[in-house]
Amino acid sequence: MAKKEHVSETPATQLLKAAKVAYTEHPYEYLEHGGAQHSAEVLGLDPFTVVKTLIMQDQDARPLVVLMHGNRKVSTKNLARQIGAKAVEPCAPEVANRHSGYLVGGTSPFGTRKAMPVYIEQSILALPRICINGGRRGFLVGLAPQVCVDLLQARPVNCALAE
């Protein structure tokens, strides 16, 4: 029997299917610390359209999700100011894993273990399609960025820094 290139379901794909969201699957060879730049390269995508899912926390260790272009960094100072926090910083990997229910490198904003506020870099919403983690290392899903607002109540922010 021929092996079909299909990634088994994740909490993210289950949520997308339940919400009847049209998406495409983009499996790739995962590279430790390769990040969005690596996945964009191997899939032949513009890293600006590959969106990374970052689990961060505020000064009270309350977790939040930031969706950022693959080739941009987050200005935590600008983000904190826009969301009314004193400070924002990335979570340690094991803390991020605990909040999201995913492994770092395979974190999707969809189907997270904990409900967390989601912030999306405003310019992502202007793109026709994005690729974002599908809930497993080496697996992106392609969809309309508006899905992040519709399903996750993602709030637009302006906190991108050139990489």
C-alpha atoms as a PDB file:
ATOM      1  CA  MET A   1       0.000   0.000   0.000  1.00  0.00           C
ATOM      2  CA  ALA A   2       1.436   3.401  -0.979  1.00  0.00           C
ATOM      3  CA  LYS A   3       2.101   5.823   1.874  1.00  0.00           C
ATOM      4  CA  LYS A   4      -0.053   8.923   1.528  1.00  0.00           C
ATOM      5  CA  GLU A   5       1.554  12.158   2.699  1.00  0.00           C
ATOM      6  CA  HIS A   6      -0.891  13.038   5.430  1.00  0.00           C
ATOM      7  CA  VAL A   7      -0.206  14.285   8.911  1.00  0.00           C
ATOM      8  CA  SER A   8      -2.357  12.731  11.611  1.00  0.00           C
ATOM      9  CA  GLU A   9      -4.794  14.994  13.384  1.00  0.00           C
ATOM     10  CA  THR A  10      -3.685  17.448  16.026  1.00  0.00           C
ATOM     11  CA  PRO A  11      -5.835  19.523  18.398  1.00  0.00           C
ATOM     12  CA  ALA A  12      -5.280  22.376  15.892  1.00  0.00           C
ATOM     13  CA  THR A  13      -6.572  20.489  12.843  1.00  0.00           C
ATOM     14  CA  GLN A  14      -9.475  19.109  14.870  1.00  0.00           C
ATOM     15  CA  LEU A  15     -10.484  22.661  15.821  1.00  0.00           C
ATOM     16  CA  LEU A  16     -10.127  23.898  12.220  1.00  0.00           C
ATOM     17  CA  LYS A  17     -12.215  20.987  10.897  1.00  0.00           C
ATOM     18  CA  ALA A  18     -14.890  21.498  13.561  1.00  0.00           C
ATOM     19  CA  ALA A  19     -15.085  25.189  12.572  1.00  0.00           C
ATOM     20  CA  LYS A  20     -15.267  24.175   8.871  1.00  0.00           C
ATOM     21  CA  VAL A  21     -12.161  26.173   8.017  1.00  0.00           C
ATOM     22  CA  ALA A  22     -10.594  25.428   4.640  1.00  0.00           C
ATOM     23  CA  TYR A  23      -6.865  24.827   5.048  1.00  0.00           C
ATOM     24  CA  THR A  24      -3.994  23.141   3.244  1.00  0.00           C
ATOM     25  CA  GLU A  25      -1.419  20.853   4.875  1.00  0.00           C
ATOM     26  CA  HIS A  26       2.299  21.538   4.456  1.00  0.00           C
ATOM     27  CA  PRO A  27       4.495  18.879   6.088  1.00  0.00           C
ATOM     28  CA  TYR A  28       8.255  19.483   5.965  1.00  0.00           C
ATOM     29  CA  GLU A  29      11.465  18.132   7.442  1.00  0.00           C
ATOM     30  CA  TYR A  30      11.706  19.708  10.919  1.00  0.00           C
ATOM     31  CA  LEU A  31      15.042  21.250  11.886  1.00  0.00           C
ATOM     32  CA  GLU A  32      15.784  21.913  15.576  1.00  0.00           C
ATOM     33  CA  HIS A  33      15.950  25.732  16.001  1.00  0.00           C
ATOM     34  CA  GLY A  34      15.287  26.160  12.268  1.00  0.00           C
ATOM     35  CA  GLY A  35      12.176  28.192  12.948  1.00  0.00           C
ATOM     36  CA  ALA A  36       9.919  29.867  10.419  1.00  0.00           C
ATOM     37  CA  GLN A  37      12.866  30.782   8.179  1.00  0.00           C
ATOM     38  CA  HIS A  38      13.725  27.097   7.705  1.00  0.00           C
ATOM     39  CA  SER A  39      10.155  25.981   7.028  1.00  0.00           C
ATOM     40  CA  ALA A  40       9.667  28.848   4.549  1.00  0.00           C
ATOM     41  CA  GLU A  41      12.871  27.869   2.758  1.00  0.00           C
ATOM     42  CA  VAL A  42      12.102  24.146   2.414  1.00  0.00           C
ATOM     43  CA  LEU A  43       8.478  24.799   1.422  1.00  0.00           C
ATOM     44  CA  GLY A  44       9.427  27.566  -1.034  1.00  0.00           C
ATOM     45  CA  LEU A  45       7.430  30.207   0.828  1.00  0.00           C
ATOM     46  CA  ASP A  46       8.110  33.851   1.615  1.00  0.00           C
ATOM     47  CA  PRO A  47       9.107  33.934   5.333  1.00  0.00           C
ATOM     48  CA  PHE A  48       6.908  37.051   5.667  1.00  0.00           C
ATOM     49  CA  THR A  49       3.862  34.788   5.024  1.00  0.00           C
ATOM     50  CA  VAL A  50       4.971  32.060   7.444  1.00  0.00           C
ATOM     51  CA  VAL A  51       3.598  33.052  10.827  1.00  0.00           C
ATOM     52  CA  LYS A  52       5.279  31.950  14.033  1.00  0.00           C
ATOM     53  CA  THR A  53       3.295  31.289  17.199  1.00  0.00           C
ATOM     54  CA  LEU A  54       5.054  32.667  20.265  1.00  0.00           C
ATOM     55  CA  ILE A  55       3.971  31.953  23.834  1.00  0.00           C
ATOM     56  CA  MET A  56       4.861  34.918  26.021  1.00  0.00           C
ATOM     57  CA  GLN A  57       3.865  36.149  29.459  1.00  0.00           C
ATOM     58  CA  ASP A  58       3.209  39.456  31.164  1.00  0.00           C
ATOM     59  CA  GLN A  59       4.733  40.752  34.423  1.00  0.00           C
ATOM     60  CA  ASP A  60       2.310  38.568  36.417  1.00  0.00           C
ATOM     61  CA  ALA A  61       3.323  35.432  34.463  1.00  0.00           C
ATOM     62  CA  ARG A  62      -0.055  35.416  32.673  1.00  0.00           C
ATOM     63  CA  PRO A  63       0.451  33.673  29.321  1.00  0.00           C
ATOM     64  CA  LEU A  64      -0.444  35.170  25.960  1.00  0.00           C
ATOM     65  CA  VAL A  65       0.039  34.223  22.324  1.00  0.00           C
ATOM     66  CA  VAL A  66       1.738  36.447  19.753  1.00  0.00           C
ATOM     67  CA  LEU A  67       1.472  35.704  16.028  1.00  0.00           C
ATOM     68  CA  MET A  68       4.376  37.248  14.123  1.00  0.00           C
ATOM     69  CA  HIS A  69       5.840  37.154  10.609  1.00  0.00           C
ATOM     70  CA  GLY A  70       8.518  34.468  10.299  1.00  0.00           C
ATOM     71  CA  ASN A  71      11.163  37.043   9.409  1.00  0.00           C
ATOM     72  CA  ARG A  72      10.333  39.608  12.104  1.00  0.00           C
ATOM     73  CA  LYS A  73      10.974  39.851  15.838  1.00  0.00           C
ATOM     74  CA  VAL A  74       8.543  41.062  18.505  1.00  0.00           C
ATOM     75  CA  SER A  75       9.227  44.370  20.224  1.00  0.00           C
ATOM     76  CA  THR A  76       8.158  43.283  23.709  1.00  0.00           C
ATOM     77  CA  LYS A  77       8.231  46.926  24.823  1.00  0.00           C
ATOM     78  CA  ASN A  78       5.783  48.008  22.099  1.00  0.00           C
ATOM     79  CA  LEU A  79       3.615  44.952  22.696  1.00  0.00           C
ATOM     80  CA  ALA A  80       3.429  45.577  26.460  1.00  0.00           C
ATOM     81  CA  ARG A  81       2.444  49.206  25.878  1.00  0.00           C
ATOM     82  CA  GLN A  82      -0.297  48.247  23.394  1.00  0.00           C
ATOM     83  CA  ILE A  83      -1.862  45.561  25.597  1.00  0.00           C
ATOM     84  CA  GLY A  84      -1.627  47.568  28.823  1.00  0.00           C
ATOM     85  CA  ALA A  85       1.001  45.367  30.471  1.00  0.00           C
ATOM     86  CA  LYS A  86       4.049  46.587  32.411  1.00  0.00           C
ATOM     87  CA  ALA A  87       6.274  44.054  30.656  1.00  0.00           C
ATOM     88  CA  VAL A  88       6.105  41.098  28.273  1.00  0.00           C
ATOM     89  CA  GLU A  89       8.718  38.391  27.816  1.00  0.00           C
ATOM     90  CA  PRO A  90       8.944  35.016  26.091  1.00  0.00           C
ATOM     91  CA  CYS A  91       8.064  32.034  28.275  1.00  0.00           C
ATOM     92  CA  ALA A  92      10.731  29.434  28.982  1.00  0.00           C
ATOM     93  CA  PRO A  93      10.212  26.489  26.586  1.00  0.00           C
ATOM     94  CA  GLU A  94       8.917  24.121  29.264  1.00  0.00           C
ATOM     95  CA  VAL A  95       6.457  26.779  30.496  1.00  0.00           C
ATOM     96  CA  ALA A  96       5.314  27.482  26.921  1.00  0.00           C
ATOM     97  CA  ASN A  97       4.802  23.724  26.380  1.00  0.00           C
ATOM     98  CA  ARG A  98       2.689  23.526  29.545  1.00  0.00           C
ATOM     99  CA  HIS A  99       0.475  26.494  28.575  1.00  0.00           C
ATOM    100  CA  SER A 100      -0.045  25.484  24.947  1.00  0.00           C
ATOM    101  CA  GLY A 101      -0.061  21.698  25.221  1.00  0.00           C
ATOM    102  CA  TYR A 102       2.326  21.666  22.242  1.00  0.00           C
ATOM    103  CA  LEU A 103       6.094  21.272  22.001  1.00  0.00           C
ATOM    104  CA  VAL A 104       8.050  24.427  21.174  1.00  0.00           C
ATOM    105  CA  GLY A 105       8.698  24.265  17.430  1.00  0.00           C
ATOM    106  CA  GLY A 106       5.268  22.697  16.974  1.00  0.00           C
ATOM    107  CA  THR A 107       3.112  25.304  18.720  1.00  0.00           C
ATOM    108  CA  SER A 108      -0.145  26.202  17.008  1.00  0.00           C
ATOM    109  CA  PRO A 109      -2.418  29.018  18.200  1.00  0.00           C
ATOM    110  CA  PHE A 110      -5.351  26.696  17.479  1.00  0.00           C
ATOM    111  CA  GLY A 111      -6.412  24.083  20.018  1.00  0.00           C
ATOM    112  CA  THR A 112      -4.149  25.210  22.864  1.00  0.00           C
ATOM    113  CA  ARG A 113      -4.498  23.503  26.237  1.00  0.00           C
ATOM    114  CA  LYS A 114      -5.174  26.840  27.982  1.00  0.00           C
ATOM    115  CA  ALA A 115      -7.312  29.639  26.606  1.00  0.00           C
ATOM    116  CA  MET A 116      -4.951  32.598  26.229  1.00  0.00           C
ATOM    117  CA  PRO A 117      -5.364  36.061  24.710  1.00  0.00           C
ATOM    118  CA  VAL A 118      -4.000  36.118  21.149  1.00  0.00           C
ATOM    119  CA  TYR A 119      -2.327  39.121  19.526  1.00  0.00           C
ATOM    120  CA  ILE A 120      -1.594  39.196  15.803  1.00  0.00           C
ATOM    121  CA  GLU A 121       0.816  41.558  14.038  1.00  0.00           C
ATOM    122  CA  GLN A 122      -1.537  43.831  12.082  1.00  0.00           C
ATOM    123  CA  SER A 123       0.270  43.477   8.732  1.00  0.00           C
ATOM    124  CA  ILE A 124      -0.386  39.697   8.788  1.00  0.00           C
ATOM    125  CA  LEU A 125      -4.084  40.436   8.314  1.00  0.00           C
ATOM    126  CA  ALA A 126      -3.330  42.164   4.994  1.00  0.00           C
ATOM    127  CA  LEU A 127      -1.908  38.939   3.515  1.00  0.00           C
ATOM    128  CA  PRO A 128      -4.189  36.789   1.317  1.00  0.00           C
ATOM    129  CA  ARG A 129      -2.930  33.536   2.904  1.00  0.00           C
ATOM    130  CA  ILE A 130      -0.558  32.527   5.657  1.00  0.00           C
ATOM    131  CA  CYS A 131       1.116  29.309   6.756  1.00  0.00           C
ATOM    132  CA  ILE A 132       1.051  28.717  10.489  1.00  0.00           C
ATOM    133  CA  ASN A 133       1.953  25.773  12.686  1.00  0.00           C
ATOM    134  CA  GLY A 134      -0.573  22.964  12.581  1.00  0.00           C
ATOM    135  CA  GLY A 135       0.243  21.576  16.016  1.00  0.00           C
ATOM    136  CA  ARG A 136       3.272  19.427  15.337  1.00  0.00           C
ATOM    137  CA  ARG A 137       6.942  20.000  14.540  1.00  0.00           C
ATOM    138  CA  GLY A 138       7.380  19.910  10.767  1.00  0.00           C
ATOM    139  CA  PHE A 139       3.759  20.691   9.948  1.00  0.00           C
ATOM    140  CA  LEU A 140       2.231  23.970   8.768  1.00  0.00           C
ATOM    141  CA  VAL A 141      -1.323  24.700   7.682  1.00  0.00           C
ATOM    142  CA  GLY A 142      -2.149  27.281   5.039  1.00  0.00           C
ATOM    143  CA  LEU A 143      -5.225  29.423   5.626  1.00  0.00           C
ATOM    144  CA  ALA A 144      -6.672  32.925   5.453  1.00  0.00           C
ATOM    145  CA  PRO A 145      -5.255  35.114   8.262  1.00  0.00           C
ATOM    146  CA  GLN A 146      -8.790  36.298   9.121  1.00  0.00           C
ATOM    147  CA  VAL A 147      -9.339  32.810  10.609  1.00  0.00           C
ATOM    148  CA  CYS A 148      -7.076  33.878  13.513  1.00  0.00           C
ATOM    149  CA  VAL A 149      -9.450  36.744  14.291  1.00  0.00           C
ATOM    150  CA  ASP A 150     -12.632  34.731  13.727  1.00  0.00           C
ATOM    151  CA  LEU A 151     -11.613  31.631  15.712  1.00  0.00           C
ATOM    152  CA  LEU A 152      -9.165  33.022  18.262  1.00  0.00           C
ATOM    153  CA  GLN A 153     -10.452  36.594  18.710  1.00  0.00           C
ATOM    154  CA  ALA A 154      -6.881  37.652  17.865  1.00  0.00           C
ATOM    155  CA  ARG A 155      -6.350  41.363  18.475  1.00  0.00           C
ATOM    156  CA  PRO A 156      -4.205  43.278  15.978  1.00  0.00           C
ATOM    157  CA  VAL A 157      -1.047  44.934  17.346  1.00  0.00           C
ATOM    158  CA  ASN A 158       1.937  46.733  15.829  1.00  0.00           C
ATOM    159  CA  CYS A 159       5.049  45.316  17.454  1.00  0.00           C
ATOM    160  CA  ALA A 160       7.202  43.944  14.592  1.00  0.00           C
ATOM    161  CA  LEU A 161      10.920  44.601  14.407  1.00  0.00           C
ATOM    162  CA  ALA A 162      13.009  43.733  11.355  1.00  0.00           C
ATOM    163  CA  GLU A 163      14.933  40.526  11.972  1.00  0.00           C
END
